[in-house]
């Protein structure tokens, strides 16, 4: 998940909470405060879920990159050993 997607999601959640708060402002006093508080809590819950989801995606991506680096480095070491062995064999052959 791209950082811009996460930011867009969080911005959308915030705008939704603000719009809901404005819409609910036609009520009176305590009722309005309770509704706004509930809406803000819902927005925070949505933001936390988005954050956790993004965190999982980033962790999975990092693990994939780590695995790929490990695989590639092992392959490079293997090829380097083969090249070194071939070079040694060629030098030994030329010295005979």
Protein backbone atom coordinates (compact mmCIF):
# COMPACT_ATOMS: atom_id res chain seq x y z
CA UNK A 1 0.00 0.00 0.00
CA UNK A 2 1.43 3.36 -1.03
CA UNK A 3 1.86 6.11 1.58
CA UNK A 4 -0.41 8.36 -0.55
CA UNK A 5 -3.17 5.74 -0.28
CA UNK A 6 -2.85 5.68 3.50
CA UNK A 7 -2.90 9.47 3.68
CA UNK A 8 -5.94 9.57 1.38
CA UNK A 9 -7.75 7.04 3.55
CA UNK A 10 -7.00 8.92 6.77
CA UNK A 11 -7.97 12.24 5.18
CA UNK A 12 -11.24 10.74 3.97
CA UNK A 13 -11.97 9.36 7.43
CA UNK A 14 -11.27 12.74 9.00
CA UNK A 15 -13.45 14.59 6.47
CA UNK A 16 -16.25 12.10 7.11
CA UNK A 17 -16.02 12.68 10.84
CA UNK A 18 -16.06 16.46 10.42
CA UNK A 19 -19.00 16.32 7.99
CA UNK A 20 -20.90 14.11 10.42
CA UNK A 21 -20.16 16.50 13.28
CA UNK A 22 -21.45 19.44 11.24
CA UNK A 23 -24.55 17.50 10.19
CA UNK A 24 -25.29 16.51 13.76
CA UNK A 25 -24.84 20.05 15.07
CA UNK A 26 -28.56 20.73 14.62
CA UNK A 27 -29.19 18.84 17.86
CA UNK A 28 -28.93 20.47 21.25
CA UNK A 29 -26.13 20.53 23.83
CA UNK A 30 -25.33 17.23 25.47
CA UNK A 31 -26.90 15.21 22.65
CA UNK A 32 -24.65 16.89 20.11
CA UNK A 33 -21.54 16.37 22.22
CA UNK A 34 -22.32 12.66 22.59
CA UNK A 35 -22.91 12.25 18.86
CA UNK A 36 -19.74 14.16 17.98
CA UNK A 37 -17.76 12.10 20.48
CA UNK A 38 -19.15 8.87 19.01
CA UNK A 39 -18.37 10.06 15.49
CA UNK A 40 -14.82 10.99 16.46
CA UNK A 41 -14.38 7.61 18.15
CA UNK A 42 -15.62 5.89 14.98
CA UNK A 43 -13.18 7.95 12.92
CA UNK A 44 -10.31 7.08 15.25
CA UNK A 45 -11.23 3.40 15.08
CA UNK A 46 -11.25 3.56 11.27
CA UNK A 47 -7.88 5.34 11.30
CA UNK A 48 -6.42 2.69 13.64
CA UNK A 49 -7.70 -0.09 11.40
CA UNK A 50 -6.15 1.67 8.39
CA UNK A 51 -2.86 2.07 10.22
CA UNK A 52 -2.79 -1.60 11.28
CA UNK A 53 -3.61 -2.69 7.74
CA UNK A 54 -0.87 -0.50 6.31
CA UNK A 55 1.56 -1.78 8.94
CA UNK A 56 0.83 -5.38 7.90
CA UNK A 57 1.31 -4.53 4.23
CA UNK A 58 4.65 -2.82 4.92
CA UNK A 59 5.82 -5.72 7.11
CA UNK A 60 4.89 -8.27 4.45
CA UNK A 61 6.67 -6.21 1.79
CA UNK A 62 9.80 -5.91 3.95
CA UNK A 63 9.81 -9.67 4.54
CA UNK A 64 9.46 -10.30 0.79
CA UNK A 65 12.38 -7.95 0.07
CA UNK A 66 14.48 -9.62 2.77
CA UNK A 67 13.77 -13.05 1.27
CA UNK A 68 14.64 -11.84 -2.22
CA UNK A 69 17.90 -10.27 -1.01
CA UNK A 70 18.83 -13.50 0.78
CA UNK A 71 18.08 -15.58 -2.32
CA UNK A 72 19.95 -13.25 -4.66
CA UNK A 73 23.00 -13.00 -2.38
CA UNK A 74 23.15 -16.79 -2.08
CA UNK A 75 22.99 -17.08 -5.86
CA UNK A 76 25.75 -14.48 -6.28
CA UNK A 77 27.98 -16.30 -3.77
CA UNK A 78 27.39 -19.61 -5.60
CA UNK A 79 28.28 -18.09 -8.98
CA UNK A 80 31.35 -16.38 -7.52
CA UNK A 81 32.56 -19.70 -6.07
CA UNK A 82 32.07 -21.43 -9.42
CA UNK A 83 33.91 -18.64 -11.24
CA UNK A 84 36.73 -18.77 -8.69
CA UNK A 85 37.01 -22.55 -9.01
CA UNK A 86 37.03 -22.29 -12.79
CA UNK A 87 39.73 -19.61 -12.66
CA UNK A 88 41.87 -21.72 -10.30
CA UNK A 89 41.47 -24.72 -12.56
CA UNK A 90 42.44 -22.67 -15.61
CA UNK A 91 45.52 -21.28 -13.84
CA UNK A 92 46.56 -24.77 -12.68
CA UNK A 93 46.03 -26.14 -16.18
CA UNK A 94 48.11 -23.38 -17.73
CA UNK A 95 50.95 -24.05 -15.26
CA UNK A 96 51.23 -27.73 -16.28
